[in-house]
C-alpha cells in the first residue's frame, strides 16, 4: 500500500504543478487520471506512474489472497479470529510473533511482551505508572491496538459487548487512547489463553 500511496501522491503533485486537479468522475481512480491526461501530451510520463500504482494494487491483492489462504489453514488463527475485532492480519501477526505460546508461563505476560504495559517510576516514596513501555514487536502492538480500536468504535452491538462495555468504562475514567491500550492488552491476554487452551472466544469469559 505504501507504493500505491507514493505513486498517487507523485501523480497528484505532477498534475498540481500544471494547474490540474483530479476530477470526481469517473468512479475509478485510473479513469479519473486518464480523463485529466486527455490532450495533455506533455504529461505522458504520468501513465508510467499509473501503471506502477496498478501493479502495486495487483500485488497487494495477491498477497492478501495468499494471507487469507494461509490463515484459513491455521487452526490457531481461525480460533483467534473468533475474538471480536480480531481479523486476518491481526491473527496472523499474533501467531507469527508469539510463535510458541508455551514460552509464556502466564497469558498476562503477553501484554508486557507487546509493550502494552505501563512503565513504573519508582524513587523513594514515589511510585506511579507512566506511559506504556512500547517494548517488543511494534507491528504486533499496532495490530492489537487497531483490533481494540475497531472493537470499541466500529463493531456493532452484540457479540463482544461485554468487552466493549468494559473498555467504555475505562474510557469514562481516563481517555479514549488509554481505553484502547487497555483493551488491546486485554485482547493479547485473551488471545494467548485461547491459543494455549485450544478454545474459542466465549462471551462469558470476556
N, C-alpha and C. Protein backbone atom coordinates (compact mmCIF):
# COMPACT_ATOMS: atom_id res chain seq x y z
N UNK A 1 0.82 -1.20 0.00
CA UNK A 1 0.00 0.00 0.00
C UNK A 1 0.86 1.26 0.00
N UNK A 2 2.09 1.14 0.51
CA UNK A 2 2.98 2.29 0.53
C UNK A 2 3.35 2.71 -0.89
N UNK A 3 3.63 1.71 -1.75
CA UNK A 3 3.98 2.01 -3.14
C UNK A 3 2.81 2.67 -3.86
N UNK A 4 1.61 2.19 -3.60
CA UNK A 4 0.42 2.79 -4.23
C UNK A 4 0.25 4.23 -3.78
N UNK A 5 0.38 4.46 -2.47
CA UNK A 5 0.21 5.81 -1.93
C UNK A 5 1.28 6.76 -2.48
N UNK A 6 2.52 6.29 -2.56
CA UNK A 6 3.60 7.13 -3.10
C UNK A 6 3.33 7.50 -4.55
N UNK A 7 2.86 6.52 -5.33
CA UNK A 7 2.57 6.78 -6.74
C UNK A 7 1.44 7.80 -6.87
N UNK A 8 0.39 7.65 -6.06
CA UNK A 8 -0.74 8.58 -6.12
C UNK A 8 -0.32 9.98 -5.72
N UNK A 9 0.51 10.10 -4.68
CA UNK A 9 0.98 11.42 -4.25
C UNK A 9 1.83 12.08 -5.33
N UNK A 10 2.66 11.28 -5.98
CA UNK A 10 3.52 11.83 -7.05
C UNK A 10 2.67 12.29 -8.22
N UNK A 11 1.68 11.48 -8.58
CA UNK A 11 0.78 11.85 -9.69
C UNK A 11 0.05 13.14 -9.36
N UNK A 12 -0.48 13.23 -8.15
CA UNK A 12 -1.21 14.42 -7.73
C UNK A 12 -0.30 15.65 -7.75
N UNK A 13 0.95 15.47 -7.31
CA UNK A 13 1.89 16.59 -7.30
C UNK A 13 2.24 17.06 -8.70
N UNK A 14 2.43 16.11 -9.63
CA UNK A 14 2.75 16.47 -11.01
C UNK A 14 1.59 17.22 -11.66
N UNK A 15 0.39 16.74 -11.44
CA UNK A 15 -0.76 17.40 -12.03
C UNK A 15 -0.95 18.80 -11.45
N UNK A 16 -0.73 18.93 -10.14
CA UNK A 16 -0.89 20.23 -9.48
C UNK A 16 0.10 21.25 -10.02
N UNK A 17 1.31 20.80 -10.35
CA UNK A 17 2.33 21.72 -10.87
C UNK A 17 1.93 22.30 -12.23
N UNK A 18 1.00 21.61 -12.92
CA UNK A 18 0.50 22.11 -14.20
C UNK A 18 -0.89 22.73 -14.04
N UNK A 19 -1.28 22.95 -12.79
CA UNK A 19 -2.58 23.56 -12.53
C UNK A 19 -3.75 22.64 -12.77
N UNK A 20 -3.53 21.35 -12.71
CA UNK A 20 -4.59 20.38 -12.97
C UNK A 20 -5.00 19.69 -11.68
N UNK A 21 -6.29 19.41 -11.56
CA UNK A 21 -6.81 18.71 -10.39
C UNK A 21 -7.49 17.42 -10.81
N UNK A 22 -7.44 16.43 -9.91
CA UNK A 22 -8.08 15.14 -10.20
C UNK A 22 -9.59 15.31 -10.06
N UNK A 23 -10.36 15.02 -11.11
CA UNK A 23 -11.82 15.20 -11.05
C UNK A 23 -12.50 14.14 -10.18
N UNK A 24 -13.75 14.36 -9.87
CA UNK A 24 -14.50 13.42 -9.05
C UNK A 24 -15.05 12.25 -9.84
N UNK A 25 -15.09 12.37 -11.15
CA UNK A 25 -15.58 11.31 -12.03
C UNK A 25 -14.56 11.04 -13.12
N UNK A 26 -14.47 9.86 -13.69
CA UNK A 26 -15.25 8.64 -13.43
C UNK A 26 -15.02 8.08 -12.03
N UNK A 27 -15.69 6.95 -11.73
CA UNK A 27 -15.64 6.40 -10.39
C UNK A 27 -14.26 5.85 -10.05
N UNK A 28 -13.58 5.21 -11.01
CA UNK A 28 -12.28 4.60 -10.73
C UNK A 28 -11.18 5.65 -10.74
N UNK A 29 -10.17 5.43 -9.90
CA UNK A 29 -9.05 6.37 -9.83
C UNK A 29 -8.34 6.45 -11.18
N UNK A 30 -8.10 5.30 -11.80
CA UNK A 30 -7.39 5.28 -13.08
C UNK A 30 -8.19 6.03 -14.14
N UNK A 31 -9.52 5.87 -14.11
CA UNK A 31 -10.35 6.58 -15.07
C UNK A 31 -10.28 8.09 -14.89
N UNK A 32 -10.22 8.54 -13.63
CA UNK A 32 -10.14 9.98 -13.36
C UNK A 32 -8.83 10.57 -13.86
N UNK A 33 -7.74 9.81 -13.64
CA UNK A 33 -6.43 10.30 -14.09
C UNK A 33 -6.35 10.36 -15.61
N UNK A 34 -6.88 9.33 -16.26
CA UNK A 34 -6.85 9.31 -17.73
C UNK A 34 -7.71 10.43 -18.30
N UNK A 35 -8.77 10.79 -17.60
CA UNK A 35 -9.61 11.91 -18.05
C UNK A 35 -8.83 13.22 -18.02
N UNK A 36 -7.99 13.38 -17.00
CA UNK A 36 -7.15 14.58 -16.89
C UNK A 36 -6.09 14.61 -17.99
N UNK A 37 -5.56 13.44 -18.33
CA UNK A 37 -4.45 13.36 -19.28
C UNK A 37 -4.87 13.52 -20.73
N UNK A 38 -6.17 13.53 -21.01
CA UNK A 38 -6.62 13.73 -22.38
C UNK A 38 -6.14 15.09 -22.90
N UNK A 39 -5.53 15.05 -24.04
CA UNK A 39 -4.99 16.27 -24.69
C UNK A 39 -3.87 16.91 -23.88
N UNK A 40 -3.22 16.11 -23.02
CA UNK A 40 -2.09 16.61 -22.23
C UNK A 40 -0.85 15.76 -22.56
N UNK A 41 -0.33 15.94 -23.79
CA UNK A 41 0.79 15.10 -24.25
C UNK A 41 2.03 15.26 -23.40
N UNK A 42 2.23 16.41 -22.80
CA UNK A 42 3.44 16.64 -22.01
C UNK A 42 3.43 15.84 -20.71
N UNK A 43 2.26 15.32 -20.33
CA UNK A 43 2.15 14.57 -19.08
C UNK A 43 2.10 13.06 -19.32
N UNK A 44 2.57 12.63 -20.45
CA UNK A 44 2.58 11.20 -20.76
C UNK A 44 3.29 10.35 -19.71
N UNK A 45 4.40 10.86 -19.06
CA UNK A 45 5.08 10.04 -18.03
C UNK A 45 4.18 9.64 -16.87
N UNK A 46 3.08 10.38 -16.68
CA UNK A 46 2.18 10.04 -15.59
C UNK A 46 1.58 8.65 -15.82
N UNK A 47 1.47 8.27 -17.10
CA UNK A 47 0.93 6.94 -17.42
C UNK A 47 1.80 5.85 -16.77
N UNK A 48 3.11 6.07 -16.74
CA UNK A 48 4.02 5.10 -16.13
C UNK A 48 3.75 4.99 -14.64
N UNK A 49 3.54 6.14 -13.98
CA UNK A 49 3.23 6.12 -12.55
C UNK A 49 1.89 5.44 -12.30
N UNK A 50 0.96 5.63 -13.22
CA UNK A 50 -0.34 4.99 -13.09
C UNK A 50 -0.20 3.47 -13.18
N UNK A 51 0.73 3.04 -14.06
CA UNK A 51 0.98 1.60 -14.20
C UNK A 51 1.62 1.04 -12.93
N UNK A 52 2.50 1.83 -12.29
CA UNK A 52 3.12 1.40 -11.04
C UNK A 52 2.06 1.23 -9.96
N UNK A 53 1.13 2.18 -9.91
CA UNK A 53 0.05 2.09 -8.92
C UNK A 53 -0.81 0.84 -9.16
N UNK A 54 -1.13 0.59 -10.42
CA UNK A 54 -1.96 -0.57 -10.76
C UNK A 54 -1.26 -1.86 -10.37
N UNK A 55 0.06 -1.94 -10.62
CA UNK A 55 0.82 -3.14 -10.28
C UNK A 55 0.91 -3.30 -8.77
N UNK A 56 1.04 -2.20 -8.04
CA UNK A 56 1.08 -2.28 -6.57
C UNK A 56 -0.22 -2.84 -6.03
N UNK A 57 -1.34 -2.40 -6.61
CA UNK A 57 -2.64 -2.91 -6.19
C UNK A 57 -2.78 -4.39 -6.52
N UNK A 58 -2.28 -4.79 -7.68
CA UNK A 58 -2.36 -6.19 -8.09
C UNK A 58 -1.57 -7.08 -7.14
N UNK A 59 -0.36 -6.64 -6.81
CA UNK A 59 0.47 -7.43 -5.90
C UNK A 59 -0.12 -7.48 -4.50
N UNK A 60 -0.68 -6.35 -4.04
CA UNK A 60 -1.30 -6.32 -2.72
C UNK A 60 -2.48 -7.28 -2.66
N UNK A 61 -3.26 -7.34 -3.74
CA UNK A 61 -4.41 -8.25 -3.79
C UNK A 61 -3.95 -9.70 -3.75
N UNK A 62 -2.85 -9.99 -4.47
CA UNK A 62 -2.32 -11.36 -4.50
C UNK A 62 -1.80 -11.76 -3.12
N UNK A 63 -1.10 -10.83 -2.46
CA UNK A 63 -0.58 -11.12 -1.12
C UNK A 63 -1.70 -11.31 -0.11
N UNK A 64 -2.74 -10.49 -0.23
CA UNK A 64 -3.89 -10.61 0.67
C UNK A 64 -4.57 -11.95 0.49
N UNK A 65 -4.73 -12.37 -0.77
CA UNK A 65 -5.35 -13.66 -1.07
C UNK A 65 -4.55 -14.80 -0.47
N UNK A 66 -3.22 -14.72 -0.59
CA UNK A 66 -2.36 -15.76 -0.05
C UNK A 66 -2.40 -15.77 1.48
N UNK A 67 -2.45 -14.58 2.08
CA UNK A 67 -2.53 -14.49 3.54
C UNK A 67 -3.82 -15.13 4.05
N UNK A 68 -4.92 -14.82 3.39
CA UNK A 68 -6.22 -15.39 3.78
C UNK A 68 -6.18 -16.91 3.66
N UNK A 69 -5.55 -17.41 2.60
CA UNK A 69 -5.46 -18.86 2.40
C UNK A 69 -4.69 -19.52 3.54
N UNK A 70 -3.56 -18.90 3.91
CA UNK A 70 -2.74 -19.47 4.97
C UNK A 70 -3.44 -19.39 6.33
N UNK A 71 -4.13 -18.28 6.59
CA UNK A 71 -4.84 -18.13 7.86
C UNK A 71 -5.94 -19.17 7.98
N UNK A 72 -6.66 -19.42 6.88
CA UNK A 72 -7.74 -20.40 6.90
C UNK A 72 -7.22 -21.81 7.17
N UNK A 73 -5.96 -22.05 6.81
CA UNK A 73 -5.38 -23.38 7.03
C UNK A 73 -4.76 -23.51 8.42
N UNK A 74 -4.75 -22.43 9.18
CA UNK A 74 -4.16 -22.43 10.52
C UNK A 74 -5.26 -22.53 11.57
N UNK A 75 -5.23 -23.61 12.35
CA UNK A 75 -6.23 -23.79 13.40
C UNK A 75 -6.14 -22.67 14.44
N UNK A 76 -4.92 -22.28 14.81
CA UNK A 76 -4.72 -21.23 15.80
C UNK A 76 -5.31 -19.90 15.33
N UNK A 77 -5.05 -19.55 14.08
CA UNK A 77 -5.57 -18.29 13.53
C UNK A 77 -7.08 -18.29 13.48
N UNK A 78 -7.65 -19.39 13.07
CA UNK A 78 -9.12 -19.46 12.98
C UNK A 78 -9.76 -19.26 14.36
N UNK A 79 -9.15 -19.83 15.39
CA UNK A 79 -9.71 -19.68 16.73
C UNK A 79 -9.50 -18.27 17.26
N UNK A 80 -8.35 -17.66 16.95
CA UNK A 80 -8.10 -16.29 17.39
C UNK A 80 -9.06 -15.31 16.74
N UNK A 81 -9.49 -15.62 15.54
CA UNK A 81 -10.39 -14.72 14.82
C UNK A 81 -11.82 -14.79 15.35
N UNK A 82 -12.07 -15.67 16.30
CA UNK A 82 -13.39 -15.67 16.95
C UNK A 82 -13.49 -14.53 17.97
N UNK A 83 -12.35 -13.93 18.31
CA UNK A 83 -12.34 -12.79 19.22
C UNK A 83 -12.84 -11.55 18.47
N UNK A 84 -13.84 -10.85 18.96
CA UNK A 84 -14.36 -9.65 18.28
C UNK A 84 -13.27 -8.62 18.03
N UNK A 85 -13.25 -8.09 16.82
CA UNK A 85 -12.27 -7.08 16.45
C UNK A 85 -11.00 -7.66 15.84
N UNK A 86 -10.76 -8.95 16.02
CA UNK A 86 -9.55 -9.59 15.50
C UNK A 86 -9.82 -10.16 14.12
N UNK A 87 -9.08 -9.65 13.15
CA UNK A 87 -9.24 -10.11 11.78
C UNK A 87 -8.05 -10.93 11.30
N UNK A 88 -7.99 -11.11 10.00
CA UNK A 88 -6.96 -11.96 9.39
C UNK A 88 -5.55 -11.49 9.71
N UNK A 89 -5.29 -10.21 9.49
CA UNK A 89 -3.93 -9.68 9.68
C UNK A 89 -3.51 -9.74 11.15
N UNK A 90 -4.41 -9.37 12.05
CA UNK A 90 -4.09 -9.38 13.48
C UNK A 90 -3.80 -10.79 13.95
N UNK A 91 -4.64 -11.75 13.55
CA UNK A 91 -4.44 -13.14 13.95
C UNK A 91 -3.12 -13.68 13.42
N UNK A 92 -2.83 -13.42 12.15
CA UNK A 92 -1.58 -13.90 11.54
C UNK A 92 -0.37 -13.27 12.21
N UNK A 93 -0.45 -11.97 12.50
CA UNK A 93 0.66 -11.28 13.15
C UNK A 93 0.90 -11.83 14.55
N UNK A 94 -0.17 -12.09 15.28
CA UNK A 94 -0.06 -12.62 16.64
C UNK A 94 0.62 -13.99 16.63
N UNK A 95 0.17 -14.87 15.75
CA UNK A 95 0.73 -16.22 15.67
C UNK A 95 2.19 -16.18 15.23
N UNK A 96 2.50 -15.35 14.24
CA UNK A 96 3.87 -15.27 13.73
C UNK A 96 4.83 -14.68 14.76
N UNK A 97 4.35 -13.71 15.54
CA UNK A 97 5.21 -13.03 16.51
C UNK A 97 5.40 -13.86 17.77
N UNK A 98 4.31 -14.38 18.33
CA UNK A 98 4.40 -15.19 19.54
C UNK A 98 5.08 -16.51 19.26
N UNK A 99 4.78 -17.10 18.11
CA UNK A 99 5.42 -18.31 17.60
C UNK A 99 5.12 -19.54 18.46
N UNK A 100 5.66 -19.57 19.67
CA UNK A 100 5.46 -20.70 20.58
C UNK A 100 4.79 -20.19 21.85
N UNK A 101 3.47 -20.35 21.98
CA UNK A 101 2.76 -19.80 23.14
C UNK A 101 3.23 -20.37 24.46
N UNK A 102 3.82 -21.57 24.44
CA UNK A 102 4.28 -22.19 25.67
C UNK A 102 5.43 -21.48 26.34
N UNK A 103 6.08 -20.56 25.63
CA UNK A 103 7.21 -19.85 26.25
C UNK A 103 6.75 -18.77 27.22
N UNK A 104 5.44 -18.52 27.26
CA UNK A 104 4.88 -17.60 28.25
C UNK A 104 4.15 -18.42 29.31
N UNK A 105 4.67 -18.39 30.54
CA UNK A 105 4.06 -19.18 31.61
C UNK A 105 2.67 -18.65 31.95
N UNK A 106 2.48 -17.34 31.81
CA UNK A 106 1.18 -16.73 32.11
C UNK A 106 0.75 -15.87 30.92
N UNK A 107 -0.54 -15.93 30.63
CA UNK A 107 -1.06 -15.18 29.48
C UNK A 107 -0.88 -13.68 29.65
N UNK A 108 -0.95 -13.19 30.89
CA UNK A 108 -0.83 -11.74 31.10
C UNK A 108 0.56 -11.22 30.76
N UNK A 109 1.53 -12.13 30.64
CA UNK A 109 2.89 -11.70 30.27
C UNK A 109 2.95 -11.23 28.82
N UNK A 110 1.99 -11.65 27.99
CA UNK A 110 2.00 -11.27 26.58
C UNK A 110 1.78 -9.78 26.42
N UNK A 111 0.97 -9.17 27.29
CA UNK A 111 0.75 -7.73 27.24
C UNK A 111 2.04 -6.96 27.43
N UNK A 112 2.86 -7.42 28.37
CA UNK A 112 4.15 -6.77 28.61
C UNK A 112 5.10 -7.02 27.45
N UNK A 113 5.05 -8.23 26.89
CA UNK A 113 5.92 -8.58 25.75
C UNK A 113 5.63 -7.68 24.55
N UNK A 114 4.36 -7.31 24.38
CA UNK A 114 3.97 -6.45 23.26
C UNK A 114 4.18 -4.97 23.56
N UNK A 115 4.67 -4.67 24.77
CA UNK A 115 4.92 -3.27 25.13
C UNK A 115 3.67 -2.49 25.46
N UNK A 116 2.63 -3.20 25.96
CA UNK A 116 1.35 -2.56 26.25
C UNK A 116 1.12 -2.33 27.74
N UNK A 117 2.15 -2.54 28.54
CA UNK A 117 2.03 -2.30 29.99
C UNK A 117 2.72 -0.99 30.35
N UNK A 118 2.25 -0.36 31.40
CA UNK A 118 2.80 0.94 31.82
C UNK A 118 4.18 0.78 32.43
N UNK A 119 5.04 1.73 32.17
CA UNK A 119 6.35 1.77 32.82
C UNK A 119 6.19 2.28 34.24
N UNK A 120 6.93 1.69 35.16
CA UNK A 120 6.87 2.11 36.55
C UNK A 120 7.97 3.12 36.86
N UNK A 121 7.60 4.16 37.60
CA UNK A 121 8.56 5.17 38.03
C UNK A 121 8.63 5.11 39.56
N UNK A 122 9.75 4.62 40.05
CA UNK A 122 9.90 4.44 41.49
C UNK A 122 11.16 5.13 41.99
N UNK A 123 11.01 5.88 43.08
CA UNK A 123 12.14 6.54 43.71
C UNK A 123 11.72 6.95 45.11
N UNK A 124 12.20 6.23 46.09
CA UNK A 124 11.82 6.51 47.46
C UNK A 124 10.33 6.27 47.67
N UNK A 125 9.62 7.31 48.06
CA UNK A 125 8.18 7.19 48.29
C UNK A 125 7.38 7.35 47.00
N UNK A 126 8.06 7.68 45.90
CA UNK A 126 7.38 7.88 44.62
C UNK A 126 7.21 6.55 43.91
N UNK A 127 6.00 6.26 43.49
CA UNK A 127 5.72 5.03 42.75
C UNK A 127 4.46 5.25 41.92
N UNK A 128 4.64 5.45 40.62
CA UNK A 128 3.48 5.65 39.76
C UNK A 128 3.74 5.08 38.38
N UNK A 129 2.65 4.81 37.68
CA UNK A 129 2.75 4.25 36.33
C UNK A 129 2.76 5.34 35.28
N UNK A 130 3.62 5.19 34.31
CA UNK A 130 3.70 6.17 33.23
C UNK A 130 3.08 5.64 31.96
N UNK A 131 3.60 6.06 30.83
CA UNK A 131 3.09 5.59 29.55
C UNK A 131 3.54 4.15 29.30
N UNK A 132 2.92 3.52 28.31
CA UNK A 132 3.28 2.13 28.01
C UNK A 132 4.74 2.06 27.58
N UNK A 133 5.34 0.90 27.80
CA UNK A 133 6.77 0.75 27.54
C UNK A 133 7.12 0.77 26.06
N UNK A 134 6.19 0.33 25.19
CA UNK A 134 6.42 0.24 23.75
C UNK A 134 7.61 -0.66 23.43
N UNK A 135 7.87 -1.62 24.30
CA UNK A 135 8.92 -2.60 24.03
C UNK A 135 8.32 -3.75 23.23
N UNK A 136 9.19 -4.60 22.73
CA UNK A 136 8.69 -5.75 21.98
C UNK A 136 8.40 -5.40 20.53
N UNK A 137 7.60 -6.26 19.88
CA UNK A 137 7.34 -6.13 18.45
C UNK A 137 6.36 -4.99 18.17
N UNK A 138 6.79 -4.04 17.37
CA UNK A 138 5.96 -2.86 17.10
C UNK A 138 4.74 -3.22 16.25
N UNK A 139 4.92 -4.11 15.27
CA UNK A 139 3.80 -4.49 14.41
C UNK A 139 2.71 -5.18 15.20
N UNK A 140 3.10 -6.09 16.11
CA UNK A 140 2.12 -6.77 16.93
C UNK A 140 1.36 -5.77 17.79
N UNK A 141 2.07 -4.83 18.39
CA UNK A 141 1.43 -3.81 19.23
C UNK A 141 0.44 -2.98 18.40
N UNK A 142 0.84 -2.63 17.19
CA UNK A 142 -0.02 -1.84 16.31
C UNK A 142 -1.28 -2.61 15.93
N UNK A 143 -1.12 -3.89 15.60
CA UNK A 143 -2.26 -4.70 15.20
C UNK A 143 -3.24 -4.90 16.36
N UNK A 144 -2.71 -5.11 17.56
CA UNK A 144 -3.58 -5.26 18.73
C UNK A 144 -4.31 -3.96 19.03
N UNK A 145 -3.62 -2.84 18.86
CA UNK A 145 -4.25 -1.53 19.08
C UNK A 145 -5.37 -1.31 18.07
N UNK A 146 -5.10 -1.65 16.80
CA UNK A 146 -6.11 -1.47 15.75
C UNK A 146 -7.32 -2.37 16.01
N UNK A 147 -7.07 -3.60 16.45
CA UNK A 147 -8.17 -4.52 16.75
C UNK A 147 -9.02 -3.98 17.89
N UNK A 148 -8.36 -3.46 18.92
CA UNK A 148 -9.07 -2.90 20.07
C UNK A 148 -9.87 -1.66 19.67
N UNK A 149 -9.29 -0.82 18.85
CA UNK A 149 -9.99 0.39 18.41
C UNK A 149 -11.19 0.04 17.54
N UNK A 150 -11.03 -0.99 16.72
CA UNK A 150 -12.12 -1.45 15.87
C UNK A 150 -13.28 -1.97 16.73
N UNK A 151 -12.94 -2.75 17.76
CA UNK A 151 -13.96 -3.29 18.65
C UNK A 151 -14.69 -2.17 19.39
N UNK A 152 -13.93 -1.17 19.80
CA UNK A 152 -14.50 -0.08 20.59
C UNK A 152 -15.35 0.87 19.74
N UNK A 153 -14.93 1.08 18.49
CA UNK A 153 -15.58 2.11 17.67
C UNK A 153 -16.44 1.61 16.52
N UNK A 154 -16.10 0.40 15.97
CA UNK A 154 -16.78 0.00 14.74
C UNK A 154 -17.60 -1.28 14.84
N UNK A 155 -17.26 -2.17 15.75
CA UNK A 155 -18.01 -3.42 15.86
C UNK A 155 -19.42 -3.12 16.34
N UNK A 156 -20.41 -3.70 15.67
CA UNK A 156 -21.81 -3.46 16.01
C UNK A 156 -22.15 -4.08 17.36
N UNK A 157 -23.14 -3.49 18.04
CA UNK A 157 -23.57 -4.03 19.34
C UNK A 157 -23.97 -5.50 19.22
N UNK A 158 -23.66 -6.26 20.23
CA UNK A 158 -23.99 -7.68 20.21
C UNK A 158 -22.81 -8.49 20.70
N UNK A 159 -22.21 -9.24 19.82
CA UNK A 159 -21.08 -10.08 20.20
C UNK A 159 -19.89 -9.21 20.60
N UNK A 160 -19.31 -9.52 21.76
CA UNK A 160 -18.20 -8.73 22.26
C UNK A 160 -18.64 -7.51 23.05
N UNK A 161 -19.94 -7.43 23.35
CA UNK A 161 -20.46 -6.25 24.04
C UNK A 161 -19.86 -6.10 25.44
N UNK A 162 -19.61 -7.23 26.10
CA UNK A 162 -19.02 -7.15 27.45
C UNK A 162 -17.64 -6.51 27.40
N UNK A 163 -16.84 -6.86 26.40
CA UNK A 163 -15.52 -6.27 26.23
C UNK A 163 -15.64 -4.77 25.94
N UNK A 164 -16.58 -4.44 25.07
CA UNK A 164 -16.78 -3.04 24.69
C UNK A 164 -17.23 -2.23 25.90
N UNK A 165 -18.15 -2.78 26.68
CA UNK A 165 -18.64 -2.08 27.88
C UNK A 165 -17.51 -1.85 28.88
N UNK A 166 -16.65 -2.85 29.01
CA UNK A 166 -15.50 -2.73 29.92
C UNK A 166 -14.59 -1.59 29.47
N UNK A 167 -14.31 -1.56 28.17
CA UNK A 167 -13.43 -0.51 27.63
C UNK A 167 -14.08 0.86 27.74
N UNK A 168 -15.39 0.93 27.53
CA UNK A 168 -16.09 2.21 27.64
C UNK A 168 -16.04 2.74 29.07
N UNK A 169 -16.07 1.82 30.03
CA UNK A 169 -15.95 2.23 31.43
C UNK A 169 -14.57 2.81 31.71
N UNK A 170 -13.55 2.18 31.14
CA UNK A 170 -12.18 2.69 31.28
C UNK A 170 -12.07 4.06 30.62
N UNK A 171 -12.69 4.21 29.46
CA UNK A 171 -12.66 5.48 28.73
C UNK A 171 -13.31 6.59 29.55
N UNK A 172 -14.39 6.24 30.27
CA UNK A 172 -15.07 7.22 31.10
C UNK A 172 -14.21 7.73 32.23
N UNK A 173 -13.28 6.88 32.71
CA UNK A 173 -12.42 7.28 33.82
C UNK A 173 -11.14 7.96 33.35
N UNK A 174 -10.71 7.63 32.12
CA UNK A 174 -9.43 8.16 31.63
C UNK A 174 -9.59 8.88 30.30
N UNK A 175 -9.25 8.21 29.21
CA UNK A 175 -9.37 8.80 27.87
C UNK A 175 -9.57 7.68 26.86
N UNK A 176 -9.90 8.07 25.64
CA UNK A 176 -10.14 7.07 24.59
C UNK A 176 -8.87 6.26 24.31
N UNK A 177 -7.75 6.95 24.18
CA UNK A 177 -6.49 6.27 23.85
C UNK A 177 -6.10 5.27 24.93
N UNK A 178 -6.22 5.67 26.19
CA UNK A 178 -5.87 4.76 27.28
C UNK A 178 -6.82 3.57 27.33
N UNK A 179 -8.08 3.81 26.99
CA UNK A 179 -9.05 2.71 26.96
C UNK A 179 -8.71 1.71 25.86
N UNK A 180 -8.28 2.22 24.71
CA UNK A 180 -7.91 1.34 23.60
C UNK A 180 -6.68 0.52 23.96
N UNK A 181 -5.70 1.16 24.59
CA UNK A 181 -4.49 0.45 25.02
C UNK A 181 -4.84 -0.64 26.02
N UNK A 182 -5.70 -0.32 26.98
CA UNK A 182 -6.10 -1.30 27.98
C UNK A 182 -6.83 -2.47 27.33
N UNK A 183 -7.68 -2.16 26.36
CA UNK A 183 -8.42 -3.21 25.65
C UNK A 183 -7.47 -4.04 24.79
N UNK A 184 -6.49 -3.41 24.17
CA UNK A 184 -5.50 -4.13 23.37
C UNK A 184 -4.73 -5.12 24.24
N UNK A 185 -4.36 -4.67 25.44
CA UNK A 185 -3.66 -5.55 26.38
C UNK A 185 -4.55 -6.73 26.78
N UNK A 186 -5.82 -6.45 27.01
CA UNK A 186 -6.77 -7.49 27.39
C UNK A 186 -6.95 -8.49 26.24
N UNK A 187 -6.99 -8.00 25.01
CA UNK A 187 -7.12 -8.87 23.85
C UNK A 187 -5.89 -9.78 23.72
N UNK A 188 -4.70 -9.24 23.98
CA UNK A 188 -3.47 -10.02 23.89
C UNK A 188 -3.50 -11.18 24.88
N UNK A 189 -3.92 -10.89 26.10
CA UNK A 189 -4.01 -11.92 27.15
C UNK A 189 -5.04 -12.97 26.76
N UNK A 190 -6.18 -12.51 26.28
CA UNK A 190 -7.27 -13.42 25.90
C UNK A 190 -6.87 -14.31 24.72
N UNK A 191 -6.20 -13.73 23.72
CA UNK A 191 -5.79 -14.48 22.55
C UNK A 191 -4.77 -15.56 22.90
N UNK A 192 -3.86 -15.23 23.79
CA UNK A 192 -2.87 -16.22 24.21
C UNK A 192 -3.55 -17.38 24.94
N UNK A 193 -4.49 -17.06 25.82
CA UNK A 193 -5.20 -18.09 26.57
C UNK A 193 -5.99 -18.99 25.63
N UNK A 194 -6.63 -18.41 24.63
CA UNK A 194 -7.39 -19.19 23.65
C UNK A 194 -6.47 -20.12 22.87
N UNK A 195 -5.31 -19.60 22.48
CA UNK A 195 -4.34 -20.39 21.73
C UNK A 195 -3.85 -21.57 22.57
N UNK A 196 -3.48 -21.30 23.81
CA UNK A 196 -2.95 -22.36 24.68
C UNK A 196 -4.01 -23.40 25.01
N UNK A 197 -5.24 -22.95 25.29
CA UNK A 197 -6.30 -23.86 25.71
C UNK A 197 -6.97 -24.58 24.55
N UNK A 198 -6.69 -24.13 23.33
CA UNK A 198 -7.33 -24.76 22.18
C UNK A 198 -8.82 -24.46 22.12
N UNK A 199 -9.22 -23.30 22.66
CA UNK A 199 -10.64 -22.94 22.74
C UNK A 199 -10.96 -21.83 21.75
N UNK A 200 -12.15 -21.28 21.87
CA UNK A 200 -12.57 -20.13 21.08
C UNK A 200 -13.10 -19.06 22.02
N UNK A 201 -13.38 -17.89 21.48
CA UNK A 201 -13.88 -16.78 22.31
C UNK A 201 -15.26 -17.11 22.84
N UNK A 202 -15.45 -16.86 24.13
CA UNK A 202 -16.74 -17.03 24.78
C UNK A 202 -17.10 -15.74 25.49
N UNK A 203 -18.30 -15.27 25.23
CA UNK A 203 -18.75 -14.01 25.80
C UNK A 203 -18.65 -14.00 27.32
N UNK A 204 -18.90 -15.14 27.95
CA UNK A 204 -18.91 -15.22 29.42
C UNK A 204 -17.52 -15.05 30.02
N UNK A 205 -16.47 -15.23 29.18
CA UNK A 205 -15.09 -15.13 29.67
C UNK A 205 -14.48 -13.77 29.42
N UNK A 206 -15.24 -12.87 28.78
CA UNK A 206 -14.71 -11.55 28.42
C UNK A 206 -14.50 -10.71 29.69
